[in-house]
Structures are given as C-alpha cells and as structure tokens.
C-alpha cells in the first residue's frame, strides 16, 4: 500500500476511534432494526457519527 494511502487509513482509523460514543449509538440503532433496515432508518444517528468523524479528520 502506498504511503499516502496508509497515512489516510491511519488518520481515518484515529478519527473513528475518537467517535466511539456516536458509533455505538448508530450501531445500536442498526441492531434494533437489523431485519428491516431501510434507507434513512437510522439517519440521525448516522449523521451524528459522520459529523464526529469529519470534525476529527479536520483536526488531524
């Protein structure tokens, strides 16, 4: 894997690890409706997780 890709993956992994609380909430939402997941089923939870990761990536 080229160095820039490794750096990006490491940065993303670090960003995701700082967002464990929103990730858990999103995961719990998906788990509740696992058999009947539809588009936007857990939209609010996903958006919160995505915003957390995006902010963490900007700080990195």
PDB file of N, CA and C in Angstrom:
ATOM      1  N   UNK A   1       0.852  -1.176   0.000  1.00  0.00           N
ATOM      2  CA  UNK A   1       0.000   0.000   0.000  1.00  0.00           C
ATOM      3  C   UNK A   1       0.897   1.237   0.000  1.00  0.00           C
ATOM      4  N   UNK A   2       0.666   2.190  -0.890  1.00  0.00           N
ATOM      5  CA  UNK A   2       1.484   3.405  -0.947  1.00  0.00           C
ATOM      6  C   UNK A   2       1.376   4.215   0.355  1.00  0.00           C
ATOM      7  N   UNK A   3       2.425   4.965   0.651  1.00  0.00           N
ATOM      8  CA  UNK A   3       2.485   5.741   1.892  1.00  0.00           C
ATOM      9  C   UNK A   3       1.315   6.697   2.076  1.00  0.00           C
ATOM     10  N   UNK A   4       0.893   7.478   1.049  1.00  0.00           N
ATOM     11  CA  UNK A   4      -0.235   8.387   1.255  1.00  0.00           C
ATOM     12  C   UNK A   4      -1.519   7.653   1.631  1.00  0.00           C
ATOM     13  N   UNK A   5      -1.728   6.470   1.064  1.00  0.00           N
ATOM     14  CA  UNK A   5      -2.923   5.689   1.384  1.00  0.00           C
ATOM     15  C   UNK A   5      -2.847   5.200   2.822  1.00  0.00           C
ATOM     16  N   UNK A   6      -1.683   4.707   3.236  1.00  0.00           N
ATOM     17  CA  UNK A   6      -1.512   4.251   4.624  1.00  0.00           C
ATOM     18  C   UNK A   6      -1.753   5.386   5.598  1.00  0.00           C
ATOM     19  N   UNK A   7      -1.245   6.567   5.265  1.00  0.00           N
ATOM     20  CA  UNK A   7      -1.420   7.726   6.130  1.00  0.00           C
ATOM     21  C   UNK A   7      -2.902   8.077   6.254  1.00  0.00           C
ATOM     22  N   UNK A   8      -3.620   8.031   5.127  1.00  0.00           N
ATOM     23  CA  UNK A   8      -5.050   8.329   5.132  1.00  0.00           C
ATOM     24  C   UNK A   8      -5.815   7.305   5.958  1.00  0.00           C
ATOM     25  N   UNK A   9      -5.477   6.041   5.799  1.00  0.00           N
ATOM     26  CA  UNK A   9      -6.155   4.988   6.552  1.00  0.00           C
ATOM     27  C   UNK A   9      -5.888   5.148   8.044  1.00  0.00           C
ATOM     28  N   UNK A  10      -4.660   5.452   8.409  1.00  0.00           N
ATOM     29  CA  UNK A  10      -4.336   5.659   9.823  1.00  0.00           C
ATOM     30  C   UNK A  10      -5.069   6.871  10.385  1.00  0.00           C
ATOM     31  N   UNK A  11      -5.160   7.937   9.602  1.00  0.00           N
ATOM     32  CA  UNK A  11      -5.872   9.139  10.035  1.00  0.00           C
ATOM     33  C   UNK A  11      -7.352   8.834  10.222  1.00  0.00           C
ATOM     34  N   UNK A  12      -7.929   8.114   9.282  1.00  0.00           N
ATOM     35  CA  UNK A  12      -9.340   7.744   9.390  1.00  0.00           C
ATOM     36  C   UNK A  12      -9.570   6.846  10.606  1.00  0.00           C
ATOM     37  N   UNK A  13      -8.707   5.881  10.813  1.00  0.00           N
ATOM     38  CA  UNK A  13      -8.846   4.980  11.967  1.00  0.00           C
ATOM     39  C   UNK A  13      -8.777   5.754  13.276  1.00  0.00           C
ATOM     40  N   UNK A  14      -7.869   6.710  13.368  1.00  0.00           N
ATOM     41  CA  UNK A  14      -7.758   7.529  14.574  1.00  0.00           C
ATOM     42  C   UNK A  14      -9.010   8.376  14.761  1.00  0.00           C
ATOM     43  N   UNK A  15      -9.532   8.926  13.674  1.00  0.00           N
ATOM     44  CA  UNK A  15     -10.744   9.749  13.761  1.00  0.00           C
ATOM     45  C   UNK A  15     -11.926   8.914  14.226  1.00  0.00           C
ATOM     46  N   UNK A  16     -12.079   7.736  13.664  1.00  0.00           N
ATOM     47  CA  UNK A  16     -13.193   6.859  14.050  1.00  0.00           C
ATOM     48  C   UNK A  16     -13.060   6.447  15.510  1.00  0.00           C
ATOM     49  N   UNK A  17     -11.846   6.203  15.968  1.00  0.00           N
ATOM     50  CA  UNK A  17     -11.668   5.769  17.359  1.00  0.00           C
ATOM     51  C   UNK A  17     -12.030   6.861  18.358  1.00  0.00           C
ATOM     52  N   UNK A  18     -11.975   8.116  17.942  1.00  0.00           N
ATOM     53  CA  UNK A  18     -12.371   9.194  18.852  1.00  0.00           C
ATOM     54  C   UNK A  18     -13.885   9.374  18.892  1.00  0.00           C
ATOM     55  N   UNK A  19     -14.590   8.682  18.029  1.00  0.00           N
ATOM     56  CA  UNK A  19     -16.049   8.825  17.917  1.00  0.00           C
ATOM     57  C   UNK A  19     -16.767   7.553  18.356  1.00  0.00           C
ATOM     58  N   UNK A  20     -16.278   6.926  19.396  1.00  0.00           N
ATOM     59  CA  UNK A  20     -16.860   5.654  19.809  1.00  0.00           C
ATOM     60  C   UNK A  20     -18.293   5.794  20.323  1.00  0.00           C
ATOM     61  N   UNK A  21     -18.612   6.887  21.003  1.00  0.00           N
ATOM     62  CA  UNK A  21     -19.973   7.050  21.540  1.00  0.00           C
ATOM     63  C   UNK A  21     -21.005   7.166  20.406  1.00  0.00           C
ATOM     64  N   UNK A  22     -20.813   8.083  19.427  1.00  0.00           N
ATOM     65  CA  UNK A  22     -21.787   8.139  18.334  1.00  0.00           C
ATOM     66  C   UNK A  22     -21.806   6.855  17.502  1.00  0.00           C
ATOM     67  N   UNK A  23     -20.670   6.185  17.381  1.00  0.00           N
ATOM     68  CA  UNK A  23     -20.626   4.926  16.636  1.00  0.00           C
ATOM     69  C   UNK A  23     -21.461   3.865  17.343  1.00  0.00           C
ATOM     70  N   UNK A  24     -21.379   3.830  18.663  1.00  0.00           N
ATOM     71  CA  UNK A  24     -22.153   2.859  19.437  1.00  0.00           C
ATOM     72  C   UNK A  24     -23.654   3.128  19.312  1.00  0.00           C
ATOM     73  N   UNK A  25     -24.037   4.394  19.364  1.00  0.00           N
ATOM     74  CA  UNK A  25     -25.457   4.750  19.227  1.00  0.00           C
ATOM     75  C   UNK A  25     -25.968   4.336  17.850  1.00  0.00           C
ATOM     76  N   UNK A  26     -25.189   4.608  16.820  1.00  0.00           N
ATOM     77  CA  UNK A  26     -25.572   4.213  15.461  1.00  0.00           C
ATOM     78  C   UNK A  26     -25.666   2.693  15.358  1.00  0.00           C
ATOM     79  N   UNK A  27     -24.693   2.000  15.899  1.00  0.00           N
ATOM     80  CA  UNK A  27     -24.705   0.534  15.879  1.00  0.00           C
ATOM     81  C   UNK A  27     -25.904  -0.045  16.605  1.00  0.00           C
ATOM     82  N   UNK A  28     -26.262   0.537  17.733  1.00  0.00           N
ATOM     83  CA  UNK A  28     -27.430   0.066  18.486  1.00  0.00           C
ATOM     84  C   UNK A  28     -28.710   0.277  17.680  1.00  0.00           C
ATOM     85  N   UNK A  29     -28.805   1.399  16.996  1.00  0.00           N
ATOM     86  CA  UNK A  29     -29.968   1.683  16.164  1.00  0.00           C
ATOM     87  C   UNK A  29     -30.091   0.638  15.051  1.00  0.00           C
ATOM     88  N   UNK A  30     -29.003   0.374  14.372  1.00  0.00           N
ATOM     89  CA  UNK A  30     -28.998  -0.618  13.290  1.00  0.00           C
ATOM     90  C   UNK A  30     -29.342  -1.998  13.857  1.00  0.00           C
ATOM     91  N   UNK A  31     -28.793  -2.324  15.013  1.00  0.00           N
ATOM     92  CA  UNK A  31     -29.044  -3.626  15.632  1.00  0.00           C
ATOM     93  C   UNK A  31     -30.532  -3.812  15.952  1.00  0.00           C
ATOM     94  N   UNK A  32     -31.193  -2.760  16.398  1.00  0.00           N
ATOM     95  CA  UNK A  32     -32.620  -2.845  16.736  1.00  0.00           C
ATOM     96  C   UNK A  32     -33.479  -3.197  15.528  1.00  0.00           C
ATOM     97  N   UNK A  33     -33.097  -2.686  14.360  1.00  0.00           N
ATOM     98  CA  UNK A  33     -33.921  -2.865  13.164  1.00  0.00           C
ATOM     99  C   UNK A  33     -33.229  -3.736  12.126  1.00  0.00           C
ATOM    100  N   UNK A  34     -32.309  -4.566  12.565  1.00  0.00           N
ATOM    101  CA  UNK A  34     -31.439  -5.318  11.657  1.00  0.00           C
ATOM    102  C   UNK A  34     -32.204  -6.059  10.566  1.00  0.00           C
ATOM    103  N   UNK A  35     -33.286  -6.682  10.877  1.00  0.00           N
ATOM    104  CA  UNK A  35     -34.023  -7.461   9.882  1.00  0.00           C
ATOM    105  C   UNK A  35     -34.802  -6.610   8.905  1.00  0.00           C
ATOM    106  N   UNK A  36     -34.996  -5.346   9.227  1.00  0.00           N
ATOM    107  CA  UNK A  36     -35.830  -4.482   8.386  1.00  0.00           C
ATOM    108  C   UNK A  36     -35.162  -3.126   8.147  1.00  0.00           C
ATOM    109  N   UNK A  37     -33.865  -3.136   7.891  1.00  0.00           N
ATOM    110  CA  UNK A  37     -33.141  -1.890   7.646  1.00  0.00           C
ATOM    111  C   UNK A  37     -33.574  -1.318   6.305  1.00  0.00           C
ATOM    112  N   UNK A  38     -33.911  -0.047   6.323  1.00  0.00           N
ATOM    113  CA  UNK A  38     -34.274   0.650   5.103  1.00  0.00           C
ATOM    114  C   UNK A  38     -33.483   1.948   5.051  1.00  0.00           C
ATOM    115  N   UNK A  39     -33.423   2.539   3.883  1.00  0.00           N
ATOM    116  CA  UNK A  39     -32.692   3.789   3.724  1.00  0.00           C
ATOM    117  C   UNK A  39     -33.206   4.810   4.737  1.00  0.00           C
ATOM    118  N   UNK A  40     -32.278   5.501   5.371  1.00  0.00           N
ATOM    119  CA  UNK A  40     -32.560   6.549   6.354  1.00  0.00           C
ATOM    120  C   UNK A  40     -33.203   6.040   7.639  1.00  0.00           C
ATOM    121  N   UNK A  41     -33.166   4.715   7.892  1.00  0.00           N
ATOM    122  CA  UNK A  41     -33.739   4.181   9.124  1.00  0.00           C
ATOM    123  C   UNK A  41     -33.087   4.788  10.358  1.00  0.00           C
ATOM    124  N   UNK A  42     -31.782   4.949  10.332  1.00  0.00           N
ATOM    125  CA  UNK A  42     -31.033   5.496  11.468  1.00  0.00           C
ATOM    126  C   UNK A  42     -30.280   6.748  11.023  1.00  0.00           C
ATOM    127  N   UNK A  43     -30.938   7.567  10.250  1.00  0.00           N
ATOM    128  CA  UNK A  43     -30.301   8.733   9.652  1.00  0.00           C
ATOM    129  C   UNK A  43     -29.707   9.681  10.690  1.00  0.00           C
ATOM    130  N   UNK A  44     -30.452  10.008  11.721  1.00  0.00           N
ATOM    131  CA  UNK A  44     -29.968  10.962  12.728  1.00  0.00           C
ATOM    132  C   UNK A  44     -28.711  10.436  13.406  1.00  0.00           C
ATOM    133  N   UNK A  45     -28.705   9.161  13.723  1.00  0.00           N
ATOM    134  CA  UNK A  45     -27.553   8.553  14.388  1.00  0.00           C
ATOM    135  C   UNK A  45     -26.344   8.521  13.450  1.00  0.00           C
ATOM    136  N   UNK A  46     -26.593   8.200  12.170  1.00  0.00           N
ATOM    137  CA  UNK A  46     -25.503   8.173  11.203  1.00  0.00           C
ATOM    138  C   UNK A  46     -24.917   9.566  11.000  1.00  0.00           C
ATOM    139  N   UNK A  47     -25.779  10.559  10.882  1.00  0.00           N
ATOM    140  CA  UNK A  47     -25.311  11.935  10.676  1.00  0.00           C
ATOM    141  C   UNK A  47     -24.448  12.382  11.850  1.00  0.00           C
ATOM    142  N   UNK A  48     -24.861  12.057  13.073  1.00  0.00           N
ATOM    143  CA  UNK A  48     -24.068  12.424  14.253  1.00  0.00           C
ATOM    144  C   UNK A  48     -22.690  11.757  14.199  1.00  0.00           C
ATOM    145  N   UNK A  49     -22.644  10.474  13.822  1.00  0.00           N
ATOM    146  CA  UNK A  49     -21.381   9.755  13.712  1.00  0.00           C
ATOM    147  C   UNK A  49     -20.518  10.354  12.606  1.00  0.00           C
ATOM    148  N   UNK A  50     -21.118  10.618  11.462  1.00  0.00           N
ATOM    149  CA  UNK A  50     -20.387  11.196  10.327  1.00  0.00           C
ATOM    150  C   UNK A  50     -19.808  12.563  10.686  1.00  0.00           C
ATOM    151  N   UNK A  51     -20.583  13.402  11.346  1.00  0.00           N
ATOM    152  CA  UNK A  51     -20.096  14.731  11.732  1.00  0.00           C
ATOM    153  C   UNK A  51     -18.932  14.620  12.707  1.00  0.00           C
ATOM    154  N   UNK A  52     -19.016  13.672  13.633  1.00  0.00           N
ATOM    155  CA  UNK A  52     -17.917  13.465  14.575  1.00  0.00           C
ATOM    156  C   UNK A  52     -16.637  13.064  13.840  1.00  0.00           C
ATOM    157  N   UNK A  53     -16.749  12.120  12.920  1.00  0.00           N
ATOM    158  CA  UNK A  53     -15.573  11.662  12.168  1.00  0.00           C
ATOM    159  C   UNK A  53     -15.022  12.786  11.303  1.00  0.00           C
ATOM    160  N   UNK A  54     -15.899  13.554  10.676  1.00  0.00           N
ATOM    161  CA  UNK A  54     -15.467  14.660   9.826  1.00  0.00           C
ATOM    162  C   UNK A  54     -14.698  15.696  10.644  1.00  0.00           C
ATOM    163  N   UNK A  55     -15.202  16.042  11.808  1.00  0.00           N
ATOM    164  CA  UNK A  55     -14.504  17.011  12.675  1.00  0.00           C
ATOM    165  C   UNK A  55     -13.152  16.457  13.115  1.00  0.00           C
ATOM    166  N   UNK A  56     -13.124  15.187  13.471  1.00  0.00           N
ATOM    167  CA  UNK A  56     -11.864  14.568  13.904  1.00  0.00           C
ATOM    168  C   UNK A  56     -10.848  14.531  12.756  1.00  0.00           C
ATOM    169  N   UNK A  57     -11.308  14.289  11.544  1.00  0.00           N
ATOM    170  CA  UNK A  57     -10.403  14.260  10.392  1.00  0.00           C
ATOM    171  C   UNK A  57      -9.822  15.657  10.130  1.00  0.00           C
ATOM    172  N   UNK A  58     -10.615  16.688  10.342  1.00  0.00           N
ATOM    173  CA  UNK A  58     -10.129  18.059  10.125  1.00  0.00           C
ATOM    174  C   UNK A  58      -9.067  18.433  11.143  1.00  0.00           C
ATOM    175  N   UNK A  59      -9.178  17.890  12.352  1.00  0.00           N
ATOM    176  CA  UNK A  59      -8.187  18.193  13.396  1.00  0.00           C
ATOM    177  C   UNK A  59      -6.888  17.467  13.187  1.00  0.00           C
ATOM    178  N   UNK A  60      -6.953  16.354  12.463  1.00  0.00           N
ATOM    179  CA  UNK A  60      -5.755  15.510  12.275  1.00  0.00           C
ATOM    180  C   UNK A  60      -4.786  16.120  11.296  1.00  0.00           C
TER     181      UNK A  60
END
